[in-house]
Amino acid sequence: MSNNLTLIKYQLDDNDGRYLEDTGEVITSSFIDENILHDLIEVAPLAKLIIYEKAGSDEFSEADCLQNEKIPEILNFVEKKFIDLFKKVKINAIENSEDELVNTMSILRLITNLYSLLKTKYTEYKSDNTVVVKLG
């Protein structure tokens, strides 16, 4: 399973409202750790999105996406992961170990990037169903 989430805006086919792959515009993306992804799916199972190659085509692919209506719950989940990170960090350990410091900084960056992507979807594109958070 891919470990990237992409916030992407699609245009819909004028005739039948299908999502069109060739119109996808990436807004932002974020890496997601496999363990966090697994836990996130427990909170909000993925949905399947059918994306057509181009207007008038019957060729399509399926993509795993976050459910738009579950974004608030997922944001809450990410906020808890952020707090948990600080609860687990032992300041003495990261002060005395460059490996621990680098690892903690990487996890922090992962969580904050993920939060930023989700917050963008929620605040700027909340009611826009042509903007989806796609896995892959």
Protein backbone atom coordinates (compact mmCIF):
# COMPACT_ATOMS: atom_id res chain seq x y z
CA MET A 1 0.00 0.00 0.00
CA SER A 2 1.29 3.44 -0.88
CA ASN A 3 2.27 5.72 1.95
CA ASN A 4 1.37 9.07 0.44
CA LEU A 5 -1.79 11.06 0.87
CA THR A 6 -2.50 13.63 -1.81
CA LEU A 7 -5.02 16.43 -1.65
CA ILE A 8 -6.16 16.65 -5.24
CA LYS A 9 -8.83 18.59 -7.11
CA TYR A 10 -10.59 16.94 -10.03
CA GLN A 11 -12.89 18.37 -12.62
CA LEU A 12 -16.08 16.48 -13.25
CA ASP A 13 -17.29 15.36 -16.67
CA ASP A 14 -20.00 17.82 -17.73
CA ASN A 15 -22.25 15.05 -19.02
CA ASP A 16 -22.29 12.60 -16.15
CA GLY A 17 -20.36 14.10 -13.24
CA ARG A 18 -17.50 11.58 -13.36
CA TYR A 19 -14.14 12.42 -11.82
CA LEU A 20 -11.58 12.88 -14.61
CA GLU A 21 -7.99 11.70 -14.10
CA ASP A 22 -6.49 13.98 -16.73
CA THR A 23 -7.79 17.05 -14.88
CA GLY A 24 -6.38 16.17 -11.45
CA GLU A 25 -4.53 19.09 -9.87
CA VAL A 26 -2.39 18.31 -6.84
CA ILE A 27 -2.87 20.84 -4.05
CA THR A 28 -0.49 19.22 -1.55
CA SER A 29 0.73 15.82 -0.46
CA SER A 30 2.11 14.19 2.64
CA PHE A 31 3.92 10.99 3.50
CA ILE A 32 2.12 8.84 6.04
CA ASP A 33 3.77 6.19 8.18
CA GLU A 34 2.33 2.72 7.64
CA ASN A 35 1.45 2.31 11.34
CA ILE A 36 -0.32 5.65 11.44
CA LEU A 37 -2.14 4.80 8.22
CA HIS A 38 -3.31 1.51 9.71
CA ASP A 39 -4.59 3.28 12.84
CA LEU A 40 -6.21 6.01 10.74
CA ILE A 41 -8.11 3.40 8.70
CA GLU A 42 -9.42 1.96 11.97
CA VAL A 43 -10.85 5.40 12.79
CA ALA A 44 -12.15 6.12 9.29
CA PRO A 45 -12.20 3.31 6.73
CA LEU A 46 -11.14 4.28 3.23
CA ALA A 47 -13.64 4.85 0.44
CA LYS A 48 -13.26 3.87 -3.21
CA LEU A 49 -13.33 6.63 -5.79
CA ILE A 50 -13.83 5.79 -9.45
CA ILE A 51 -11.75 8.06 -11.66
CA TYR A 52 -12.21 8.03 -15.43
CA GLU A 53 -9.24 8.47 -17.75
CA LYS A 54 -10.83 11.36 -19.66
CA ALA A 55 -14.20 12.80 -20.63
CA GLY A 56 -16.32 10.35 -22.62
CA SER A 57 -14.08 7.40 -21.80
CA ASP A 58 -15.24 4.22 -20.12
CA GLU A 59 -11.71 3.43 -18.93
CA PHE A 60 -11.37 4.01 -15.23
CA SER A 61 -9.34 3.19 -12.17
CA GLU A 62 -10.28 2.98 -8.52
CA ALA A 63 -8.47 4.97 -5.87
CA ASP A 64 -8.57 4.68 -2.09
CA CYS A 65 -9.60 7.99 -0.53
CA LEU A 66 -10.45 9.41 2.85
CA GLN A 67 -14.13 9.99 3.32
CA ASN A 68 -14.76 13.74 3.24
CA GLU A 69 -17.31 13.55 6.05
CA LYS A 70 -14.72 11.80 8.27
CA ILE A 71 -12.09 14.56 7.99
CA PRO A 72 -12.98 16.10 11.40
CA GLU A 73 -12.53 12.70 13.09
CA ILE A 74 -9.26 12.15 11.26
CA LEU A 75 -8.02 15.59 12.31
CA ASN A 76 -8.84 14.69 15.90
CA PHE A 77 -6.92 11.42 15.48
CA VAL A 78 -3.84 13.29 14.16
CA GLU A 79 -4.03 15.81 17.01
CA LYS A 80 -3.97 12.90 19.49
CA LYS A 81 -0.94 11.40 17.71
CA PHE A 82 0.78 14.78 18.06
CA ILE A 83 0.07 14.91 21.80
CA ASP A 84 1.11 11.26 22.22
CA LEU A 85 4.45 12.04 20.60
CA PHE A 86 5.20 14.67 23.24
CA LYS A 87 4.09 12.39 26.03
CA LYS A 88 6.50 9.70 24.83
CA VAL A 89 9.50 11.92 24.12
CA LYS A 90 12.13 11.78 26.78
CA ILE A 91 13.97 15.09 26.64
CA ASN A 92 17.08 13.60 28.16
CA ALA A 93 17.16 10.92 25.48
CA ILE A 94 16.92 13.35 22.56
CA GLU A 95 19.44 15.75 24.13
CA ASN A 96 21.99 12.97 24.41
CA SER A 97 21.36 11.02 21.22
CA GLU A 98 21.47 12.48 17.74
CA ASP A 99 19.66 9.39 16.41
CA GLU A 100 16.79 9.93 18.87
CA LEU A 101 16.65 13.63 18.02
CA VAL A 102 16.53 12.97 14.26
CA ASN A 103 13.90 10.24 14.71
CA THR A 104 11.70 12.47 16.88
CA MET A 105 12.02 15.35 14.44
CA SER A 106 11.05 13.05 11.54
CA ILE A 107 7.96 11.82 13.35
CA LEU A 108 7.01 15.39 14.25
CA ARG A 109 7.38 16.50 10.63
CA LEU A 110 5.28 13.56 9.44
CA ILE A 111 2.47 14.36 11.86
CA THR A 112 2.50 18.11 11.17
CA ASN A 113 2.56 17.61 7.38
CA LEU A 114 -0.38 15.23 7.62
CA TYR A 115 -2.25 17.67 9.86
CA SER A 116 -1.61 20.53 7.44
CA LEU A 117 -2.98 18.54 4.49
CA LEU A 118 -6.12 17.56 6.40
CA LYS A 119 -6.62 21.06 7.80
CA THR A 120 -6.37 22.49 4.29
CA LYS A 121 -9.07 20.10 3.10
CA TYR A 122 -11.26 20.92 6.08
CA THR A 123 -10.89 24.70 6.09
CA GLU A 124 -10.57 25.51 2.39
CA TYR A 125 -12.40 22.68 0.63
CA LYS A 126 -14.81 21.34 3.24
CA SER A 127 -17.88 21.35 1.01
CA ASP A 128 -16.04 20.78 -2.28
CA ASN A 129 -16.42 17.11 -3.13
CA THR A 130 -14.21 17.52 -6.20
CA VAL A 131 -11.28 17.91 -3.79
CA VAL A 132 -10.35 14.56 -2.28
CA VAL A 133 -7.63 13.11 -0.08
CA LYS A 134 -6.34 10.22 -2.15
CA LEU A 135 -4.05 7.44 -0.98
CA GLY A 136 -1.34 6.72 -3.49
